[in-house]
Amino acid sequence: MDILDDHIANVTSPEVKERVRTLAALIAEEAPEALLTRSYGMPAWKVGGKPLVYLAVCREHIGFYPTGTGMSSIADDLGDLPHSKGAVQLPHDLPLPMERVRRWLRVRVRQTTGSPS
C-alpha cells in the first residue's frame, strides 16, 4: 500500500477518498518532480527535499497545508474557505476549488524551487 492509500484506508466515504485522490493527481500534475512522503503522519509532497504541501483527511474537511510562507502567499485567494494560520480547510460538502488549488500549488512550486515562473 502506498502512502496515500494508507492515509485514506480507514476513510469510509468513497467520495472523500476520491477527493483526496483528485487533489493528489493535481499535485502530481503541477509538481511532477515532487516526491510523495509521509511527514507528521500525513501525506507530504517534497521538491528537492523541501516541503511543498501536506494533505490530511479530517472528519468534515481535507486539510491543505501549504507550509512555510505558503499561507501568507495565498491569503488573498482563500475567499470564504475556512482556514487557520497554517492550513486551508476544504469542506467535504463543498466542491473542490480546483482552480484555486492549482494556483496555490503553482505559488508553492515557485517558492520551493526558486523559479520565477
Protein backbone atom coordinates (compact mmCIF):
# COMPACT_ATOMS: atom_id res chain seq x y z
CA MET A 1 0.00 0.00 0.00
CA ASP A 2 1.37 3.43 -0.83
CA ILE A 3 1.40 6.46 1.48
CA LEU A 4 -1.79 8.00 0.10
CA ASP A 5 -3.75 4.74 0.18
CA ASP A 6 -2.52 4.09 3.70
CA HIS A 7 -3.74 7.54 4.81
CA ILE A 8 -7.24 7.02 3.41
CA ALA A 9 -7.57 3.31 4.25
CA ASN A 10 -9.95 3.96 7.15
CA VAL A 11 -11.98 6.62 5.36
CA THR A 12 -15.43 5.11 4.83
CA SER A 13 -16.69 7.60 2.26
CA PRO A 14 -15.77 6.73 -1.34
CA GLU A 15 -16.42 10.37 -2.25
CA VAL A 16 -13.86 11.63 0.27
CA LYS A 17 -11.32 9.07 -0.94
CA GLU A 18 -11.87 10.27 -4.50
CA ARG A 19 -11.47 13.91 -3.43
CA VAL A 20 -8.08 13.11 -1.87
CA ARG A 21 -7.01 11.22 -4.99
CA THR A 22 -8.15 14.14 -7.15
CA LEU A 23 -6.03 16.55 -5.10
CA ALA A 24 -3.05 14.18 -5.23
CA ALA A 25 -3.40 13.97 -9.02
CA LEU A 26 -3.45 17.76 -9.24
CA ILE A 27 -0.30 17.95 -7.12
CA ALA A 28 1.38 15.42 -9.44
CA GLU A 29 0.30 17.46 -12.46
CA GLU A 30 1.55 20.79 -11.10
CA ALA A 31 4.69 19.39 -9.47
CA PRO A 32 5.68 16.25 -11.38
CA GLU A 33 9.09 16.30 -9.69
CA ALA A 34 7.53 16.19 -6.22
CA LEU A 35 8.18 13.11 -4.12
CA LEU A 36 5.31 11.75 -2.02
CA THR A 37 6.49 11.08 1.52
CA ARG A 38 4.93 10.95 4.96
CA SER A 39 5.50 13.69 7.48
CA TYR A 40 3.64 14.48 10.70
CA GLY A 41 1.52 11.41 9.92
CA MET A 42 0.22 12.95 6.69
CA PRO A 43 0.94 12.52 3.00
CA ALA A 44 3.52 15.17 2.18
CA TRP A 45 4.99 16.20 -1.14
CA LYS A 46 8.56 17.47 -1.27
CA VAL A 47 10.59 19.04 -4.04
CA GLY A 48 14.35 18.87 -3.71
CA GLY A 49 13.91 17.72 -0.12
CA LYS A 50 11.84 20.82 0.74
CA PRO A 51 8.20 20.56 1.81
CA LEU A 52 5.71 21.60 -0.85
CA VAL A 53 2.30 20.72 0.64
CA TYR A 54 0.66 18.27 3.02
CA LEU A 55 -2.87 16.83 2.92
CA ALA A 56 -4.88 15.35 5.78
CA VAL A 57 -8.34 13.86 5.85
CA CYS A 58 -10.38 15.17 8.76
CA ARG A 59 -13.96 14.43 9.73
CA GLU A 60 -15.52 17.44 7.97
CA HIS A 61 -12.80 18.52 5.55
CA ILE A 62 -9.49 17.85 3.89
CA GLY A 63 -6.69 19.89 5.36
CA PHE A 64 -4.40 21.51 2.78
CA TYR A 65 -1.14 22.66 4.35
CA PRO A 66 0.97 24.86 2.05
CA THR A 67 3.85 25.09 4.58
CA GLY A 68 6.28 27.89 5.22
CA THR A 69 5.22 31.19 3.73
CA GLY A 70 2.61 29.40 1.64
CA MET A 71 -0.39 30.60 3.66
CA SER A 72 0.58 34.25 3.57
CA SER A 73 1.26 33.95 -0.16
CA ILE A 74 -2.21 32.59 -0.93
CA ALA A 75 -4.16 34.59 1.68
CA ASP A 76 -5.79 36.86 -0.90
CA ASP A 77 -7.05 33.80 -2.82
CA LEU A 78 -8.75 31.98 0.07
CA GLY A 79 -12.16 33.58 -0.37
CA ASP A 80 -14.58 32.28 2.23
CA LEU A 81 -12.83 28.94 2.76
CA PRO A 82 -12.22 28.17 6.42
CA HIS A 83 -8.54 28.44 7.25
CA SER A 84 -6.05 28.91 10.03
CA LYS A 85 -2.54 30.29 10.21
CA GLY A 86 -1.14 27.17 8.54
CA ALA A 87 -3.94 25.34 6.73
CA VAL A 88 -6.89 25.66 4.42
CA GLN A 89 -9.94 23.52 5.09
CA LEU A 90 -11.60 22.05 2.01
CA PRO A 91 -15.03 21.05 3.37
CA HIS A 92 -16.39 17.70 2.19
CA ASP A 93 -19.80 19.25 1.49
CA LEU A 94 -18.46 21.83 -0.99
CA PRO A 95 -17.00 21.27 -4.46
CA LEU A 96 -13.21 21.20 -4.52
CA PRO A 97 -11.93 24.61 -5.64
CA MET A 98 -9.63 23.03 -8.21
CA GLU A 99 -8.51 26.20 -9.97
CA ARG A 100 -7.68 27.88 -6.67
CA VAL A 101 -5.75 24.82 -5.50
CA ARG A 102 -3.92 24.83 -8.85
CA ARG A 103 -2.91 28.47 -8.29
CA TRP A 104 -1.81 27.69 -4.73
CA LEU A 105 0.32 24.81 -5.95
CA ARG A 106 1.96 27.00 -8.57
CA VAL A 107 2.83 29.52 -5.87
CA ARG A 108 4.32 26.78 -3.70
CA VAL A 109 6.31 25.29 -6.59
CA ARG A 110 7.80 28.73 -7.33
CA GLN A 111 8.60 29.24 -3.65
CA THR A 112 10.09 25.79 -3.22
CA THR A 113 12.17 25.73 -6.40
CA GLY A 114 13.04 29.44 -6.52
CA SER A 115 11.71 29.51 -10.08
CA PRO A 116 10.20 32.84 -11.22
CA SER A 117 7.63 31.13 -13.48
